[in-house]
Amino acid sequence: MIKVFGSTACLTCKKVKHWLTEHELDFEEVEVNGSTLALEDAKLLVNRCSGNTAKLIAEWCEEFQRLEIEIDDLHNEVAVEILCQHPTILRRPITVFDDFIMIGLDEDLFESVLAEKVEE
């Protein structure tokens, strides 16, 4: 199952969802604004980024800056806890496929994923 973490106000998030819909790929949408993030979703993101949680975080985000946390201090357990309580610090969109994540929109990468899905 494909999961798209984003917000309704994010233009790139809308493009990702449109691309997936246009190519008839099922996906689950996870809204990150104005809510908490489920523990299983936070763990999924941290696990898929292979320990490089910094790539998930929008360091320029006001909420992240208010937390006064060093990005290098966000090890797996700490990152999961913080993402659960502060999902708005996530970059957007984050698309989680079976075995990897993509941050932003890369249509060429989407095309290669679609080609793999057709081959399966």
Foldseek 3Di string as FASTA:
>chain_A
DKEKEEAPPDPLSVVVVVVCVVLPHDYHYHYQPPAFDDLVVLLLVCVQVPFQCLLFFDCVDPVNVVVVDDSVPCGSVNSSVCCRVHVVRTQPIWMDDPRHIDGTDDVVVVVVVSVVVVVD
